[in-house]
Protein backbone atom coordinates (compact mmCIF):
# COMPACT_ATOMS: atom_id res chain seq x y z
CA MET A 1 17.68 32.65 -4.98
CA ASP A 2 19.97 31.42 -7.76
CA ASN A 3 17.80 31.43 -10.90
CA SER A 4 19.93 28.67 -12.43
CA ARG A 5 18.67 26.16 -9.88
CA LYS A 6 15.74 23.93 -10.78
CA GLN A 7 12.40 24.34 -9.02
CA LEU A 8 9.70 21.70 -8.82
CA GLN A 9 6.28 22.11 -7.21
CA PHE A 10 5.23 19.29 -4.92
CA TYR A 11 2.27 18.38 -2.73
CA GLN A 12 2.06 16.14 0.29
CA ALA A 13 -0.99 14.11 1.24
CA ASP A 14 -1.86 11.60 3.94
CA VAL A 15 -3.47 8.49 2.47
CA PHE A 16 -5.94 6.06 4.09
CA THR A 17 -7.12 8.66 6.56
CA ASN A 18 -9.41 11.69 6.67
CA GLU A 19 -7.31 13.50 9.28
CA PRO A 20 -3.89 15.16 8.89
CA PHE A 21 -0.96 13.28 10.44
CA GLY A 22 -2.65 9.90 10.15
CA GLY A 23 -2.40 7.35 7.36
CA ASN A 24 0.60 7.07 5.08
CA PRO A 25 2.28 10.29 3.88
CA LEU A 26 3.05 10.73 0.20
CA ALA A 27 4.86 13.36 -1.86
CA VAL A 28 3.56 14.04 -5.37
CA PHE A 29 5.43 15.98 -8.08
CA PRO A 30 2.78 16.69 -10.77
CA ASP A 31 5.19 18.04 -13.43
CA ALA A 32 8.17 15.72 -13.46
CA GLY A 33 8.56 14.72 -17.09
CA ASP A 34 12.05 16.03 -17.77
CA LEU A 35 14.01 14.62 -14.82
CA THR A 36 16.71 11.97 -14.96
CA ASP A 37 16.44 8.68 -13.09
CA ARG A 38 19.16 9.90 -10.75
CA GLU A 39 17.19 13.07 -9.98
CA TYR A 40 14.05 11.05 -9.26
CA GLN A 41 15.95 8.96 -6.74
CA GLN A 42 17.73 11.92 -5.17
CA ILE A 43 14.45 13.79 -4.69
CA ALA A 44 12.75 10.74 -3.17
CA ARG A 45 15.64 10.30 -0.77
CA GLU A 46 15.43 14.00 0.16
CA MET A 47 11.67 13.76 0.80
CA ASN A 48 12.39 10.70 2.99
CA LEU A 49 8.83 9.38 2.87
CA SER A 50 7.89 5.78 2.25
CA GLU A 51 7.08 6.74 -1.35
CA THR A 52 7.36 9.74 -3.65
CA VAL A 53 5.47 9.86 -6.97
CA PHE A 54 6.47 11.63 -10.17
CA VAL A 55 3.71 12.30 -12.72
CA LEU A 56 4.57 12.07 -16.42
CA PRO A 57 2.62 12.20 -19.67
CA PRO A 58 1.13 8.78 -20.48
CA THR A 59 2.52 6.56 -23.22
CA ASP A 60 -0.82 4.72 -23.51
CA THR A 61 -3.74 6.75 -24.91
CA ARG A 62 -6.17 5.19 -22.44
CA ALA A 63 -4.36 6.65 -19.43
CA VAL A 64 -4.70 10.18 -18.07
CA ALA A 65 -1.16 10.05 -16.64
CA LYS A 66 1.84 7.84 -16.08
CA ILE A 67 3.36 7.57 -12.62
CA ARG A 68 6.77 6.48 -11.36
CA ILE A 69 7.05 5.49 -7.71
CA PHE A 70 10.23 5.76 -5.65
CA THR A 71 11.05 4.84 -2.08
CA PRO A 72 14.08 6.57 -0.51
CA SER A 73 16.25 3.71 -1.79
CA GLN A 74 14.76 2.44 -5.07
CA GLU A 75 12.06 2.60 -7.71
CA ILE A 76 9.18 0.16 -7.35
CA PRO A 77 6.82 -0.87 -10.17
CA PHE A 78 3.54 -0.66 -8.27
CA ALA A 79 2.06 0.32 -4.93
CA GLY A 80 -1.29 1.18 -3.41
CA HIS A 81 -1.17 4.37 -1.39
CA PRO A 82 0.93 6.24 -4.02
CA VAL A 83 -1.74 5.60 -6.65
CA LEU A 84 -4.62 6.74 -4.45
CA GLY A 85 -2.78 9.77 -3.11
CA THR A 86 -1.50 10.91 -6.51
CA PHE A 87 -4.89 10.98 -8.16
CA TYR A 88 -6.49 12.63 -5.14
CA VAL A 89 -3.89 15.39 -5.49
CA LEU A 90 -4.38 15.70 -9.26
CA GLY A 91 -8.15 15.79 -8.85
CA THR A 92 -7.97 18.36 -6.07
CA LEU A 93 -5.75 20.52 -8.30
CA LYS A 94 -8.44 20.33 -11.04
CA ARG A 95 -6.09 18.45 -13.35
CA LEU A 96 -8.66 15.70 -13.85
CA PRO A 97 -12.17 16.04 -15.36
CA LEU A 98 -14.19 15.17 -12.26
CA GLN A 99 -17.81 14.08 -12.60
CA SER A 100 -20.26 13.29 -9.80
CA PRO A 101 -20.97 10.87 -8.29
CA MET A 102 -18.04 8.88 -9.68
CA THR A 103 -15.18 9.60 -12.05
CA ASN A 104 -13.68 6.59 -13.83
CA LEU A 105 -10.24 6.83 -15.40
CA PHE A 106 -7.15 4.84 -16.27
CA TYR A 107 -3.58 5.41 -15.12
CA GLU A 108 -0.28 3.96 -16.28
CA CYS A 109 2.55 2.51 -14.20
CA HIS A 110 5.39 0.07 -14.85
CA LEU A 111 3.03 -2.92 -14.61
CA GLY A 112 0.62 -1.59 -17.23
CA VAL A 113 -2.62 0.39 -17.39
CA PHE A 114 -5.22 0.04 -14.62
CA PRO A 115 -8.63 1.53 -13.80
CA LEU A 116 -9.25 3.95 -10.96
CA GLU A 117 -12.42 5.37 -9.40
CA LEU A 118 -12.83 8.73 -7.67
CA ILE A 119 -15.99 8.97 -5.61
CA ILE A 120 -17.24 12.56 -5.59
CA LEU A 121 -19.46 14.07 -2.88
CA LYS A 122 -20.53 17.71 -3.01
CA GLY A 123 -17.82 18.49 -5.54
CA GLN A 124 -15.05 17.01 -3.39
CA ILE A 125 -13.18 13.72 -3.69
CA GLU A 126 -14.59 11.57 -0.90
CA GLN A 127 -12.68 8.38 -1.67
CA VAL A 128 -10.27 6.93 -4.23
CA VAL A 129 -10.52 3.26 -5.25
CA MET A 130 -8.01 1.30 -7.31
CA SER A 131 -8.24 -2.07 -9.03
CA GLN A 132 -5.23 -4.29 -8.42
CA PRO A 133 -3.64 -7.00 -10.57
CA SER A 134 -5.11 -10.49 -10.16
CA PRO A 135 -3.78 -12.24 -7.06
CA GLU A 136 -1.04 -14.83 -7.29
CA PHE A 137 -0.73 -17.34 -4.46
CA LEU A 138 2.96 -18.07 -4.77
CA GLU A 139 3.96 -20.27 -1.84
CA VAL A 140 2.61 -21.70 1.40
CA VAL A 141 5.49 -21.67 3.88
CA GLY A 142 5.20 -24.91 5.80
CA GLN A 143 8.77 -25.65 6.83
CA VAL A 144 8.99 -25.75 10.62
CA GLU A 145 12.48 -24.24 10.62
CA THR A 146 11.31 -21.25 8.55
CA ILE A 147 8.28 -20.68 10.79
CA TYR A 148 10.46 -20.75 13.90
CA GLU A 149 12.94 -18.34 12.30
CA LEU A 150 10.05 -16.08 11.32
CA ALA A 151 8.76 -16.04 14.91
CA LYS A 152 12.23 -15.12 16.12
CA VAL A 153 12.68 -12.18 13.73
CA LEU A 154 9.17 -10.91 14.55
CA GLY A 155 9.81 -11.20 18.28
CA VAL A 156 6.88 -13.50 19.09
CA HIS A 157 6.59 -17.00 20.52
CA LYS A 158 6.38 -19.57 17.73
CA SER A 159 3.05 -20.90 19.05
CA LEU A 160 1.43 -17.56 18.20
CA ILE A 161 1.98 -18.51 14.54
CA THR A 162 1.85 -22.31 14.57
CA ASP A 163 -1.40 -22.46 16.59
CA SER A 164 -3.23 -20.42 13.95
CA PRO A 165 -5.41 -22.54 11.64
CA PHE A 166 -4.37 -20.36 8.71
CA PRO A 167 -1.18 -20.57 6.64
CA VAL A 168 1.91 -18.43 6.33
CA GLU A 169 1.75 -17.61 2.62
CA VAL A 170 3.40 -15.51 -0.08
CA VAL A 171 0.74 -13.63 -2.07
CA SER A 172 1.05 -10.93 -4.72
CA THR A 173 -1.32 -8.42 -6.28
CA GLY A 174 1.58 -6.61 -7.95
CA LEU A 175 4.24 -6.94 -5.25
CA PRO A 176 4.86 -10.23 -3.39
CA VAL A 177 4.33 -10.07 0.37
CA LEU A 178 4.68 -12.71 3.08
CA ILE A 179 1.43 -12.87 5.06
CA VAL A 180 1.72 -14.16 8.63
CA PRO A 181 -1.26 -14.87 10.92
CA ILE A 182 -0.75 -14.00 14.59
CA ARG A 183 -3.25 -15.22 17.17
CA THR A 184 -3.50 -12.18 19.44
CA LEU A 185 -3.64 -8.40 19.15
CA THR A 186 -1.33 -8.05 22.16
CA ALA A 187 1.38 -10.02 20.37
CA VAL A 188 1.05 -7.93 17.20
CA LYS A 189 1.19 -4.65 19.09
CA SER A 190 4.19 -5.62 21.22
CA MET A 191 6.45 -6.99 18.45
CA GLN A 192 10.12 -6.02 18.65
CA VAL A 193 11.32 -7.02 15.21
CA ASP A 194 14.80 -7.90 13.98
CA HIS A 195 15.03 -5.87 10.78
CA ALA A 196 18.20 -7.57 9.59
CA GLY A 197 16.43 -10.91 10.05
CA ILE A 198 13.43 -9.64 8.07
CA LEU A 199 15.75 -8.74 5.20
CA ASP A 200 17.18 -12.25 5.23
CA VAL A 201 13.79 -14.02 5.32
CA CYS A 202 12.35 -11.81 2.58
CA ALA A 203 15.41 -12.34 0.36
CA ARG A 204 15.04 -16.13 0.60
CA LEU A 205 11.30 -16.06 -0.06
CA GLY A 206 11.44 -13.38 -2.75
CA THR A 207 9.11 -10.91 -1.05
CA ASN A 208 9.09 -7.14 -0.57
CA GLY A 209 8.04 -7.37 3.06
CA ILE A 210 6.13 -9.16 5.79
CA MET A 211 2.53 -8.31 6.69
CA VAL A 212 1.34 -9.74 10.00
CA TYR A 213 -2.35 -9.78 10.83
CA THR A 214 -4.72 -10.73 13.60
CA THR A 215 -8.51 -10.93 13.54
CA MET A 216 -8.55 -9.18 16.93
CA THR A 217 -8.96 -5.44 16.30
CA LEU A 218 -8.94 -2.09 18.07
CA GLU A 219 -11.87 -0.63 16.12
CA GLU A 220 -15.20 -2.44 16.34
CA ASP A 221 -15.92 -2.29 12.62
CA ALA A 222 -12.42 -3.43 11.50
CA THR A 223 -11.92 -6.93 10.12
CA VAL A 224 -8.20 -7.33 10.83
CA HIS A 225 -5.36 -5.45 12.51
CA THR A 226 -2.07 -5.45 10.60
CA ARG A 227 1.55 -4.35 10.64
CA MET A 228 3.79 -4.21 7.58
CA PHE A 229 7.59 -4.50 7.70
CA ALA A 230 9.06 -3.63 4.28
CA ASP A 231 12.81 -3.51 4.92
CA PRO A 232 13.68 -4.85 1.43
CA ILE A 233 12.41 -1.61 -0.11
CA GLY A 234 13.81 0.61 2.64
CA ILE A 235 10.70 0.95 4.84
CA PRO A 236 11.16 -0.57 8.33
CA GLU A 237 7.46 -0.19 9.13
CA ASP A 238 4.79 1.12 6.78
CA PRO A 239 1.77 2.92 8.26
CA ALA A 240 -0.65 1.85 5.49
CA THR A 241 0.11 -0.50 2.62
CA GLY A 242 -2.37 -0.65 -0.25
CA SER A 243 -0.65 -3.33 -2.34
CA ALA A 244 -0.14 -5.68 0.61
CA SER A 245 -3.70 -5.04 1.80
CA GLY A 246 -5.02 -6.19 -1.57
CA ALA A 247 -2.92 -9.35 -1.26
CA LEU A 248 -4.19 -9.83 2.29
CA GLY A 249 -7.80 -9.44 1.13
CA ALA A 250 -7.23 -12.20 -1.43
CA TYR A 251 -5.59 -14.38 1.24
CA LEU A 252 -8.47 -13.88 3.69
CA VAL A 253 -11.00 -14.94 1.05
CA LYS A 254 -8.99 -17.86 -0.33
CA ASN A 255 -8.35 -19.31 3.14
CA GLY A 256 -11.84 -18.67 4.53
CA VAL A 257 -10.63 -16.34 7.28
CA VAL A 258 -13.67 -14.13 6.62
CA GLU A 259 -17.20 -14.91 5.51
CA VAL A 260 -17.04 -15.02 1.73
CA GLY A 261 -19.71 -13.85 -0.71
CA PRO A 262 -19.81 -12.58 -4.29
CA THR A 263 -18.44 -9.32 -2.87
CA THR A 264 -16.40 -9.65 0.31
CA GLU A 265 -15.61 -6.37 2.08
CA VAL A 266 -12.65 -6.16 4.44
CA VAL A 267 -11.71 -3.22 6.66
CA ILE A 268 -8.02 -3.18 7.60
CA GLU A 269 -6.60 -1.10 10.45
CA GLN A 270 -2.86 -0.42 10.30
CA GLY A 271 -0.29 2.08 11.56
CA TYR A 272 -1.49 2.35 15.15
CA GLU A 273 1.84 1.21 16.60
CA ILE A 274 3.67 4.10 14.92
CA ASP A 275 1.00 6.70 15.72
CA ARG A 276 -0.39 6.95 12.18
CA PRO A 277 -3.78 5.23 12.34
CA SER A 278 -4.95 4.09 8.92
CA ARG A 279 -8.14 2.60 7.52
CA ILE A 280 -7.92 0.59 4.30
CA LEU A 281 -11.02 -0.71 2.51
CA VAL A 282 -10.67 -3.87 0.40
CA GLN A 283 -13.30 -5.46 -1.84
CA VAL A 284 -12.79 -8.95 -3.21
CA PHE A 285 -15.13 -9.98 -6.02
CA SER A 286 -15.56 -13.75 -6.44
CA ASP A 287 -17.43 -16.06 -8.79
CA ASP A 288 -17.60 -19.86 -8.36
CA ASP A 289 -14.87 -19.74 -5.69
CA MET A 290 -12.56 -17.86 -8.06
CA ILE A 291 -11.36 -14.36 -7.24
CA GLN A 292 -12.23 -12.13 -10.19
CA GLU A 293 -11.15 -8.68 -9.02
CA ILE A 294 -9.68 -6.86 -6.05
CA LYS A 295 -10.26 -3.21 -5.25
CA VAL A 296 -8.51 -1.18 -2.57
CA GLY A 297 -9.73 2.24 -1.49
CA GLY A 298 -9.62 4.88 1.16
CA GLN A 299 -9.76 8.53 2.03
CA VAL A 300 -6.98 11.07 1.47
CA VAL A 301 -6.25 14.50 2.94
CA MET A 302 -3.87 17.17 1.60
CA VAL A 303 -1.42 18.42 4.23
CA ALA A 304 1.33 20.47 2.53
CA GLU A 305 2.65 22.04 -0.64
CA GLY A 306 5.95 23.58 -1.57
CA LYS A 307 8.86 23.77 -3.99
CA MET A 308 11.91 21.58 -4.27
CA VAL A 309 14.87 23.78 -5.25
CA TYR A 310 18.09 22.10 -6.33
């Protein structure tokens, strides 16, 4: 091997699952502080996963690390599964001071500094839980023409959207997503989407993707079944989307789709249509009908490690 070529250690984990080959895959480069922006993007494109994370020294003294998140086509300021997967990897590598039964820390990303919880069981990381930015309810999409166009690009009959008592709405907990209720599980599972049309709708509404949901589920203990189409950031279909799931949790509480209490727990199943079953846990904390905090968590499993040589 040419010694002049750079070598970078990386790890790959599957997030929102406890079994290899489920959930959402993630590449993590723990020692990436001296790369250029072009190298970050080239490596992410080479990994060809929905996201690749590069770990850098923090610029804020509260944080244990700073992360930069790249899709194959661009850098994004925030996401869910990259955060959970990265700190599972760092904890598993003993790069974090783990304490049972829970380790609390802060991490830094482009949106700021946020808390994170690692739940420890028998010395192992059982679950990782992140707090998300406060939800923003940006727009209820009520125009009939837009709803009909949306049905067309999703490949469903318009009545499957319009007959729902719940709105089509743009919500953000860090990244804006268009949330679309669909009446039946069969319709969600059988969608044949127009990805060029999704790009057009998302561009006009200013969102990073479309998350469809139905309250009909495959697993008995799940609350909703979802699919996420994130063509604007280069991901035709995402197997598990932490940021959008946080936004969906806020939407479900705000619109009374689920029974709401001081702590509302939502279990989201996603990724089944692309053979990567995922389980995402969302907690929405409310006080006097106001959402105070949103947490998103799940399990992670390590599946690979290696070196990038370039």
